[in-house]
């Protein structure tokens, strides 16, 4: 498990154990993505022998769980919160509201009609 823990945190936000784990998952996913894509291509290629495809499928299932794209969770870059994160701004609703009211988000203003 220690091979998936980052040695240096360069994410620039509030750091807790969930943020550290998510950062490790992102780095592991990034490192293993070309190999995962190649294995998925081999599995989907019906012109290859069945044994080759079965071996590729076995290798894919034996890869570490952190290399799966479904393990990555959107987290707030300011507070590390994993719920109600706005994708466009990568911050939580509460932090979005506070930053927008303070005028720190360009092009965002409070709606009034």
N, C-alpha and C. Protein backbone atom coordinates (compact mmCIF):
# COMPACT_ATOMS: atom_id res chain seq x y z
N UNK A 1 0.81 -1.18 0.00
CA UNK A 1 0.00 0.00 0.00
C UNK A 1 0.86 1.26 0.00
N UNK A 2 2.06 1.19 0.53
CA UNK A 2 2.90 2.37 0.62
C UNK A 2 3.34 2.87 -0.75
N UNK A 3 3.34 1.99 -1.76
CA UNK A 3 3.76 2.44 -3.08
C UNK A 3 2.73 3.40 -3.69
N UNK A 4 1.50 3.43 -3.17
CA UNK A 4 0.48 4.31 -3.70
C UNK A 4 0.36 5.59 -2.90
N UNK A 5 1.11 5.72 -1.83
CA UNK A 5 1.07 6.95 -1.05
C UNK A 5 2.07 7.94 -1.62
N UNK A 6 1.63 9.17 -1.91
CA UNK A 6 2.55 10.16 -2.46
C UNK A 6 3.54 10.61 -1.40
N UNK A 7 4.75 10.84 -1.84
CA UNK A 7 5.80 11.29 -0.93
C UNK A 7 5.69 12.78 -0.65
N UNK A 8 5.22 13.53 -1.65
CA UNK A 8 5.13 14.97 -1.50
C UNK A 8 3.75 15.41 -1.98
N UNK A 9 3.06 16.16 -1.15
CA UNK A 9 1.73 16.64 -1.51
C UNK A 9 1.87 17.98 -2.22
N UNK A 10 1.55 18.00 -3.50
CA UNK A 10 1.64 19.23 -4.27
C UNK A 10 0.27 19.63 -4.82
N UNK A 11 -0.78 19.43 -4.02
CA UNK A 11 -2.11 19.68 -4.51
C UNK A 11 -2.64 21.05 -4.11
N UNK A 12 -2.05 21.68 -3.13
CA UNK A 12 -2.38 23.05 -2.79
C UNK A 12 -3.76 23.26 -2.19
N UNK A 13 -4.20 22.40 -1.32
CA UNK A 13 -5.50 22.57 -0.67
C UNK A 13 -5.42 22.01 0.74
N UNK A 14 -6.55 22.05 1.41
CA UNK A 14 -6.65 21.44 2.73
C UNK A 14 -6.36 19.95 2.60
N UNK A 15 -5.51 19.41 3.46
CA UNK A 15 -5.10 18.03 3.34
C UNK A 15 -5.59 17.23 4.54
N UNK A 16 -6.35 16.18 4.25
CA UNK A 16 -6.71 15.20 5.26
C UNK A 16 -6.50 13.82 4.64
N UNK A 17 -6.87 12.78 5.35
CA UNK A 17 -6.56 11.45 4.85
C UNK A 17 -7.31 11.11 3.57
N UNK A 18 -8.52 11.68 3.38
CA UNK A 18 -9.28 11.38 2.17
C UNK A 18 -8.68 12.07 0.95
N UNK A 19 -8.19 13.29 1.16
CA UNK A 19 -7.55 14.03 0.07
C UNK A 19 -6.26 13.33 -0.33
N UNK A 20 -5.50 12.86 0.66
CA UNK A 20 -4.25 12.15 0.36
C UNK A 20 -4.53 10.86 -0.40
N UNK A 21 -5.55 10.12 0.02
CA UNK A 21 -5.91 8.88 -0.65
C UNK A 21 -6.39 9.14 -2.08
N UNK A 22 -7.19 10.18 -2.27
CA UNK A 22 -7.68 10.52 -3.60
C UNK A 22 -6.53 10.94 -4.50
N UNK A 23 -5.58 11.67 -3.96
CA UNK A 23 -4.42 12.08 -4.74
C UNK A 23 -3.59 10.86 -5.15
N UNK A 24 -3.44 9.90 -4.26
CA UNK A 24 -2.72 8.67 -4.59
C UNK A 24 -3.45 7.89 -5.67
N UNK A 25 -4.78 7.86 -5.59
CA UNK A 25 -5.57 7.16 -6.61
C UNK A 25 -5.41 7.82 -7.97
N UNK A 26 -5.41 9.14 -8.00
CA UNK A 26 -5.25 9.86 -9.27
C UNK A 26 -3.89 9.57 -9.90
N UNK A 27 -2.84 9.57 -9.09
CA UNK A 27 -1.50 9.30 -9.62
C UNK A 27 -1.37 7.85 -10.09
N UNK A 28 -1.94 6.92 -9.36
CA UNK A 28 -1.89 5.51 -9.76
C UNK A 28 -2.69 5.30 -11.04
N UNK A 29 -3.83 5.95 -11.15
CA UNK A 29 -4.64 5.83 -12.36
C UNK A 29 -3.90 6.39 -13.57
N UNK A 30 -3.27 7.54 -13.38
CA UNK A 30 -2.53 8.17 -14.48
C UNK A 30 -1.36 7.30 -14.95
N UNK A 31 -0.70 6.66 -14.01
CA UNK A 31 0.44 5.82 -14.37
C UNK A 31 0.02 4.53 -15.08
N UNK A 32 -1.13 3.99 -14.71
CA UNK A 32 -1.54 2.69 -15.24
C UNK A 32 -2.54 2.79 -16.39
N UNK A 33 -2.97 3.97 -16.76
CA UNK A 33 -4.00 4.09 -17.79
C UNK A 33 -3.59 3.56 -19.16
N UNK A 34 -2.36 3.80 -19.66
CA UNK A 34 -2.00 3.22 -20.97
C UNK A 34 -2.06 1.68 -20.98
N UNK A 35 -1.60 1.07 -19.89
CA UNK A 35 -1.65 -0.39 -19.81
C UNK A 35 -3.09 -0.89 -19.76
N UNK A 36 -3.95 -0.20 -19.02
CA UNK A 36 -5.36 -0.58 -18.95
C UNK A 36 -6.03 -0.46 -20.32
N UNK A 37 -5.73 0.60 -21.05
CA UNK A 37 -6.32 0.78 -22.38
C UNK A 37 -5.86 -0.32 -23.33
N UNK A 38 -4.59 -0.69 -23.27
CA UNK A 38 -4.07 -1.75 -24.14
C UNK A 38 -4.76 -3.08 -23.82
N UNK A 39 -4.91 -3.38 -22.54
CA UNK A 39 -5.57 -4.63 -22.16
C UNK A 39 -7.04 -4.64 -22.58
N UNK A 40 -7.71 -3.51 -22.45
CA UNK A 40 -9.10 -3.43 -22.88
C UNK A 40 -9.23 -3.61 -24.38
N UNK A 41 -8.27 -3.08 -25.12
CA UNK A 41 -8.27 -3.25 -26.58
C UNK A 41 -8.08 -4.72 -26.95
N UNK A 42 -7.18 -5.38 -26.28
CA UNK A 42 -6.94 -6.82 -26.55
C UNK A 42 -8.19 -7.63 -26.22
N UNK A 43 -8.84 -7.33 -25.12
CA UNK A 43 -10.04 -8.06 -24.72
C UNK A 43 -11.16 -7.87 -25.73
N UNK A 44 -11.30 -6.67 -26.26
CA UNK A 44 -12.39 -6.37 -27.19
C UNK A 44 -12.12 -6.85 -28.61
N UNK A 45 -10.86 -7.15 -28.94
CA UNK A 45 -10.50 -7.56 -30.29
C UNK A 45 -10.87 -9.03 -30.49
N UNK A 46 -11.91 -9.27 -31.29
CA UNK A 46 -12.40 -10.64 -31.48
C UNK A 46 -11.56 -11.43 -32.48
N UNK A 47 -10.65 -10.79 -33.20
CA UNK A 47 -9.82 -11.53 -34.15
C UNK A 47 -8.65 -12.24 -33.48
N UNK A 48 -8.35 -11.87 -32.24
CA UNK A 48 -7.27 -12.53 -31.50
C UNK A 48 -7.75 -13.87 -30.96
N UNK A 49 -6.81 -14.77 -30.66
CA UNK A 49 -7.20 -16.06 -30.08
C UNK A 49 -7.85 -15.87 -28.70
N UNK A 50 -8.73 -16.79 -28.36
CA UNK A 50 -9.48 -16.71 -27.10
C UNK A 50 -8.54 -16.78 -25.90
N UNK A 51 -7.47 -17.56 -25.99
CA UNK A 51 -6.53 -17.67 -24.87
C UNK A 51 -5.84 -16.34 -24.59
N UNK A 52 -5.44 -15.64 -25.64
CA UNK A 52 -4.78 -14.33 -25.48
C UNK A 52 -5.74 -13.34 -24.82
N UNK A 53 -6.97 -13.35 -25.25
CA UNK A 53 -7.97 -12.44 -24.67
C UNK A 53 -8.25 -12.79 -23.22
N UNK A 54 -8.27 -14.07 -22.89
CA UNK A 54 -8.52 -14.49 -21.51
C UNK A 54 -7.36 -14.09 -20.60
N UNK A 55 -6.13 -14.21 -21.10
CA UNK A 55 -4.95 -13.79 -20.32
C UNK A 55 -5.00 -12.28 -20.06
N UNK A 56 -5.37 -11.52 -21.09
CA UNK A 56 -5.47 -10.06 -20.93
C UNK A 56 -6.55 -9.71 -19.92
N UNK A 57 -7.65 -10.42 -19.95
CA UNK A 57 -8.73 -10.15 -19.00
C UNK A 57 -8.30 -10.49 -17.58
N UNK A 58 -7.54 -11.55 -17.42
CA UNK A 58 -7.03 -11.92 -16.10
C UNK A 58 -6.05 -10.86 -15.58
N UNK A 59 -5.18 -10.36 -16.46
CA UNK A 59 -4.24 -9.32 -16.06
C UNK A 59 -4.98 -8.04 -15.66
N UNK A 60 -6.04 -7.73 -16.39
CA UNK A 60 -6.81 -6.52 -16.08
C UNK A 60 -7.50 -6.63 -14.73
N UNK A 61 -8.03 -7.79 -14.42
CA UNK A 61 -8.72 -7.96 -13.14
C UNK A 61 -7.74 -8.02 -11.97
N UNK A 62 -6.49 -8.38 -12.24
CA UNK A 62 -5.51 -8.46 -11.15
C UNK A 62 -4.79 -7.15 -10.89
N UNK A 63 -5.08 -6.12 -11.67
CA UNK A 63 -4.47 -4.82 -11.42
C UNK A 63 -5.05 -4.23 -10.14
N UNK A 64 -4.29 -3.36 -9.51
CA UNK A 64 -4.70 -2.77 -8.24
C UNK A 64 -5.98 -1.95 -8.42
N UNK A 65 -6.78 -1.88 -7.39
CA UNK A 65 -8.06 -1.17 -7.45
C UNK A 65 -7.87 0.33 -7.68
N UNK A 66 -6.76 0.89 -7.22
CA UNK A 66 -6.53 2.32 -7.37
C UNK A 66 -6.31 2.71 -8.82
N UNK A 67 -6.09 1.76 -9.70
CA UNK A 67 -5.87 2.08 -11.11
C UNK A 67 -7.17 2.18 -11.89
N UNK A 68 -8.30 1.94 -11.24
CA UNK A 68 -9.60 2.02 -11.91
C UNK A 68 -10.09 3.46 -11.93
N UNK A 69 -10.72 3.89 -13.03
CA UNK A 69 -11.21 5.27 -13.09
C UNK A 69 -12.38 5.53 -12.15
N UNK A 70 -13.11 4.50 -11.75
CA UNK A 70 -14.24 4.70 -10.86
C UNK A 70 -13.82 4.99 -9.43
N UNK A 71 -12.56 4.80 -9.11
CA UNK A 71 -12.07 5.07 -7.76
C UNK A 71 -11.84 6.55 -7.51
N UNK A 72 -11.75 7.34 -8.58
CA UNK A 72 -11.45 8.77 -8.44
C UNK A 72 -12.74 9.51 -8.09
N UNK A 73 -12.65 10.37 -7.08
CA UNK A 73 -13.81 11.12 -6.62
C UNK A 73 -13.52 12.61 -6.76
N UNK A 74 -14.52 13.36 -7.19
CA UNK A 74 -14.36 14.81 -7.26
C UNK A 74 -14.34 15.35 -5.84
N UNK A 75 -13.34 16.14 -5.53
CA UNK A 75 -13.22 16.74 -4.21
C UNK A 75 -13.00 18.24 -4.34
N UNK A 76 -13.46 18.96 -3.33
CA UNK A 76 -13.28 20.41 -3.29
C UNK A 76 -11.80 20.73 -3.15
N UNK A 77 -11.31 21.63 -3.98
CA UNK A 77 -9.89 21.98 -3.92
C UNK A 77 -9.57 22.87 -2.73
N UNK A 78 -10.58 23.45 -2.11
CA UNK A 78 -10.33 24.33 -0.97
C UNK A 78 -10.48 23.60 0.36
N UNK A 79 -11.47 22.73 0.48
CA UNK A 79 -11.73 22.10 1.75
C UNK A 79 -11.61 20.60 1.77
N UNK A 80 -11.46 19.98 0.61
CA UNK A 80 -11.35 18.53 0.56
C UNK A 80 -12.66 17.80 0.71
N UNK A 81 -13.78 18.52 0.67
CA UNK A 81 -15.10 17.92 0.83
C UNK A 81 -15.44 17.11 -0.40
N UNK A 82 -16.04 15.94 -0.21
CA UNK A 82 -16.35 15.06 -1.33
C UNK A 82 -17.78 15.14 -1.81
N UNK A 83 -18.61 15.95 -1.17
CA UNK A 83 -20.01 16.06 -1.56
C UNK A 83 -20.33 17.44 -2.11
N UNK A 84 -21.29 17.50 -3.00
CA UNK A 84 -21.79 18.74 -3.61
C UNK A 84 -20.66 19.58 -4.20
N UNK A 85 -19.84 18.96 -5.04
CA UNK A 85 -18.73 19.65 -5.69
C UNK A 85 -19.17 20.06 -7.09
N UNK A 86 -19.02 21.33 -7.41
CA UNK A 86 -19.35 21.82 -8.74
C UNK A 86 -18.19 21.52 -9.68
N UNK A 87 -18.46 20.79 -10.75
CA UNK A 87 -17.39 20.34 -11.64
C UNK A 87 -16.66 21.49 -12.32
N UNK A 88 -17.40 22.50 -12.73
CA UNK A 88 -16.79 23.60 -13.48
C UNK A 88 -15.78 24.38 -12.63
N UNK A 89 -16.01 24.47 -11.33
CA UNK A 89 -15.14 25.26 -10.46
C UNK A 89 -14.29 24.40 -9.53
N UNK A 90 -14.62 23.12 -9.40
CA UNK A 90 -13.91 22.18 -8.54
C UNK A 90 -13.89 22.60 -7.08
N UNK A 91 -14.98 23.23 -6.66
CA UNK A 91 -15.14 23.60 -5.25
C UNK A 91 -16.56 23.24 -4.82
N UNK A 92 -16.76 23.13 -3.52
CA UNK A 92 -18.07 22.75 -2.99
C UNK A 92 -19.05 23.93 -3.10
N UNK A 93 -20.32 23.61 -2.91
CA UNK A 93 -21.35 24.65 -3.02
C UNK A 93 -21.12 25.78 -2.02
N UNK A 94 -20.78 25.40 -0.80
CA UNK A 94 -20.58 26.43 0.23
C UNK A 94 -19.40 27.33 -0.12
N UNK A 95 -18.27 26.72 -0.50
CA UNK A 95 -17.11 27.53 -0.87
C UNK A 95 -17.38 28.35 -2.13
N UNK A 96 -18.17 27.79 -3.06
CA UNK A 96 -18.54 28.54 -4.25
C UNK A 96 -19.32 29.79 -3.87
N UNK A 97 -20.26 29.63 -2.95
CA UNK A 97 -21.07 30.77 -2.52
C UNK A 97 -20.22 31.83 -1.84
N UNK A 98 -19.33 31.39 -0.96
CA UNK A 98 -18.48 32.35 -0.25
C UNK A 98 -17.53 33.09 -1.21
N UNK A 99 -16.96 32.36 -2.15
CA UNK A 99 -16.04 32.98 -3.12
C UNK A 99 -16.79 33.91 -4.07
N UNK A 100 -17.99 33.52 -4.49
CA UNK A 100 -18.77 34.35 -5.39
C UNK A 100 -19.21 35.64 -4.69
N UNK A 101 -19.65 35.55 -3.44
CA UNK A 101 -20.06 36.75 -2.71
C UNK A 101 -18.88 37.68 -2.43
N UNK A 102 -17.70 37.10 -2.29
CA UNK A 102 -16.50 37.91 -2.07
C UNK A 102 -15.97 38.50 -3.37
N UNK A 103 -16.49 38.03 -4.52
CA UNK A 103 -16.05 38.55 -5.81
C UNK A 103 -14.77 37.92 -6.31
N UNK A 104 -14.42 36.75 -5.81
CA UNK A 104 -13.18 36.10 -6.21
C UNK A 104 -13.32 35.22 -7.45
N UNK A 105 -14.54 34.98 -7.90
CA UNK A 105 -14.77 34.16 -9.09
C UNK A 105 -15.16 35.08 -10.25
N UNK A 106 -14.31 35.21 -11.27
CA UNK A 106 -14.63 36.12 -12.37
C UNK A 106 -15.83 35.63 -13.17
N UNK A 107 -16.72 36.54 -13.50
CA UNK A 107 -17.89 36.22 -14.30
C UNK A 107 -19.05 35.66 -13.52
N UNK A 108 -18.92 35.54 -12.21
CA UNK A 108 -19.98 34.98 -11.38
C UNK A 108 -20.52 36.09 -10.49
N UNK A 109 -21.83 36.29 -10.55
CA UNK A 109 -22.46 37.26 -9.65
C UNK A 109 -23.78 36.70 -9.18
N UNK A 110 -24.28 37.25 -8.11
CA UNK A 110 -25.54 36.78 -7.55
C UNK A 110 -26.69 37.16 -8.46
N UNK A 111 -27.54 36.17 -8.72
CA UNK A 111 -28.68 36.41 -9.59
C UNK A 111 -29.75 37.23 -8.88
N UNK A 112 -30.33 38.16 -9.60
CA UNK A 112 -31.47 38.93 -9.09
C UNK A 112 -32.33 39.35 -10.26
N UNK A 113 -33.61 39.08 -10.15
CA UNK A 113 -34.51 39.45 -11.23
C UNK A 113 -35.83 39.91 -10.69
